[in-house]
Amino acid sequence: MLSFRRLSENNLDHVQEYDTPEHLLLNEESAFSKMVQSISAANAQYLRNLVLGGEENILGREETSQLDG
């Protein structure tokens, strides 16, 4: 789920929020971020590093490819 491009957080019959995992985790008020915060601190940090660290790596590769191009 964390590698998806977009996540949809559903609440009964409507979409509660829809965005990238990165944006949802960065928004501490999002339901997805709160769900991650509700698990153990070590697991929450692992998931944040997995998602946000991956985003930093992707952005770095994009910047490098633009400089090379």
C-alpha atoms as a PDB file:
ATOM      1  CA  MET A   1       0.000   0.000   0.000  1.00  0.00           C
ATOM      2  CA  LEU A   2       2.816   2.425   0.763  1.00  0.00           C
ATOM      3  CA  SER A   3       4.262   2.044  -2.720  1.00  0.00           C
ATOM      4  CA  PHE A   4       0.992   3.112  -4.386  1.00  0.00           C
ATOM      5  CA  ARG A   5       0.975   6.407  -6.257  1.00  0.00           C
ATOM      6  CA  ARG A   6      -2.328   7.456  -4.667  1.00  0.00           C
ATOM      7  CA  LEU A   7      -4.272   6.266  -1.648  1.00  0.00           C
ATOM      8  CA  SER A   8      -7.967   6.572  -0.998  1.00  0.00           C
ATOM      9  CA  GLU A   9      -9.067   6.597   2.631  1.00  0.00           C
ATOM     10  CA  ASN A  10     -12.717   5.588   2.730  1.00  0.00           C
ATOM     11  CA  ASN A  11     -15.127   6.220   5.552  1.00  0.00           C
ATOM     12  CA  LEU A  12     -18.315   4.172   5.087  1.00  0.00           C
ATOM     13  CA  ASP A  13     -19.811   5.428   1.832  1.00  0.00           C
ATOM     14  CA  HIS A  14     -17.545   8.349   0.895  1.00  0.00           C
ATOM     15  CA  VAL A  15     -13.883   9.038   0.200  1.00  0.00           C
ATOM     16  CA  GLN A  16     -12.386  10.696   3.249  1.00  0.00           C
ATOM     17  CA  GLU A  17      -9.082  11.657   1.612  1.00  0.00           C
ATOM     18  CA  TYR A  18      -7.168  10.952  -1.568  1.00  0.00           C
ATOM     19  CA  ASP A  19      -3.512  11.777  -2.191  1.00  0.00           C
ATOM     20  CA  THR A  20      -0.054  10.256  -2.413  1.00  0.00           C
ATOM     21  CA  PRO A  21       1.226   8.313   0.607  1.00  0.00           C
ATOM     22  CA  GLU A  22       3.943  10.965   0.989  1.00  0.00           C
ATOM     23  CA  HIS A  23       1.494  13.860   1.180  1.00  0.00           C
ATOM     24  CA  LEU A  24      -0.853  11.986   3.478  1.00  0.00           C
ATOM     25  CA  LEU A  25       1.979  11.115   5.874  1.00  0.00           C
ATOM     26  CA  LEU A  26       3.288  14.681   5.866  1.00  0.00           C
ATOM     27  CA  ASN A  27      -0.167  15.963   6.825  1.00  0.00           C
ATOM     28  CA  GLU A  28      -0.393  15.014  10.500  1.00  0.00           C
ATOM     29  CA  GLU A  29      -4.155  15.660  10.435  1.00  0.00           C
ATOM     30  CA  SER A  30      -4.834  13.109   7.671  1.00  0.00           C
ATOM     31  CA  ALA A  31      -6.596   9.878   8.591  1.00  0.00           C
ATOM     32  CA  PHE A  32      -3.771   7.899   6.984  1.00  0.00           C
ATOM     33  CA  SER A  33      -1.114   9.707   9.030  1.00  0.00           C
ATOM     34  CA  LYS A  34      -3.152   9.186  12.205  1.00  0.00           C
ATOM     35  CA  MET A  35      -3.513   5.494  11.376  1.00  0.00           C
ATOM     36  CA  VAL A  36       0.278   5.190  11.029  1.00  0.00           C
ATOM     37  CA  GLN A  37       0.777   7.150  14.273  1.00  0.00           C
ATOM     38  CA  SER A  38      -1.539   4.741  16.096  1.00  0.00           C
ATOM     39  CA  ILE A  39       0.808   1.766  15.652  1.00  0.00           C
ATOM     40  CA  SER A  40       3.965   1.277  17.693  1.00  0.00           C
ATOM     41  CA  ALA A  41       6.457   4.139  17.494  1.00  0.00           C
ATOM     42  CA  ALA A  42       9.139   1.927  15.936  1.00  0.00           C
ATOM     43  CA  ASN A  43       6.808   0.624  13.225  1.00  0.00           C
ATOM     44  CA  ALA A  44       5.443   4.112  12.518  1.00  0.00           C
ATOM     45  CA  GLN A  45       8.974   5.457  12.108  1.00  0.00           C
ATOM     46  CA  TYR A  46       9.903   2.543   9.858  1.00  0.00           C
ATOM     47  CA  LEU A  47       6.901   3.222   7.604  1.00  0.00           C
ATOM     48  CA  ARG A  48       7.628   6.952   7.490  1.00  0.00           C
ATOM     49  CA  ASN A  49      11.263   6.288   6.565  1.00  0.00           C
ATOM     50  CA  LEU A  50      10.172   3.790   3.952  1.00  0.00           C
ATOM     51  CA  VAL A  51       7.770   6.222   2.283  1.00  0.00           C
ATOM     52  CA  LEU A  52       9.505   9.541   2.804  1.00  0.00           C
ATOM     53  CA  GLY A  53      13.004   8.172   2.296  1.00  0.00           C
ATOM     54  CA  GLY A  54      11.836   6.610  -0.954  1.00  0.00           C
ATOM     55  CA  GLU A  55      10.392   9.939  -2.085  1.00  0.00           C
ATOM     56  CA  GLU A  56      13.673  11.715  -1.375  1.00  0.00           C
ATOM     57  CA  ASN A  57      15.511   9.099  -3.416  1.00  0.00           C
ATOM     58  CA  ILE A  58      13.041   9.445  -6.289  1.00  0.00           C
ATOM     59  CA  LEU A  59      13.349  13.237  -6.267  1.00  0.00           C
ATOM     60  CA  GLY A  60      17.125  12.976  -6.193  1.00  0.00           C
ATOM     61  CA  ARG A  61      17.117  10.632  -9.193  1.00  0.00           C
ATOM     62  CA  GLU A  62      14.781  12.958 -11.109  1.00  0.00           C
ATOM     63  CA  GLU A  63      17.014  15.959 -10.417  1.00  0.00           C
ATOM     64  CA  THR A  64      20.083  13.989 -11.469  1.00  0.00           C
ATOM     65  CA  SER A  65      18.441  12.813 -14.686  1.00  0.00           C
ATOM     66  CA  GLN A  66      17.404  16.391 -15.491  1.00  0.00           C
ATOM     67  CA  LEU A  67      20.971  17.566 -14.981  1.00  0.00           C
ATOM     68  CA  ASP A  68      22.296  14.729 -17.146  1.00  0.00           C
ATOM     69  CA  GLY A  69      19.677  15.312 -19.881  1.00  0.00           C
END
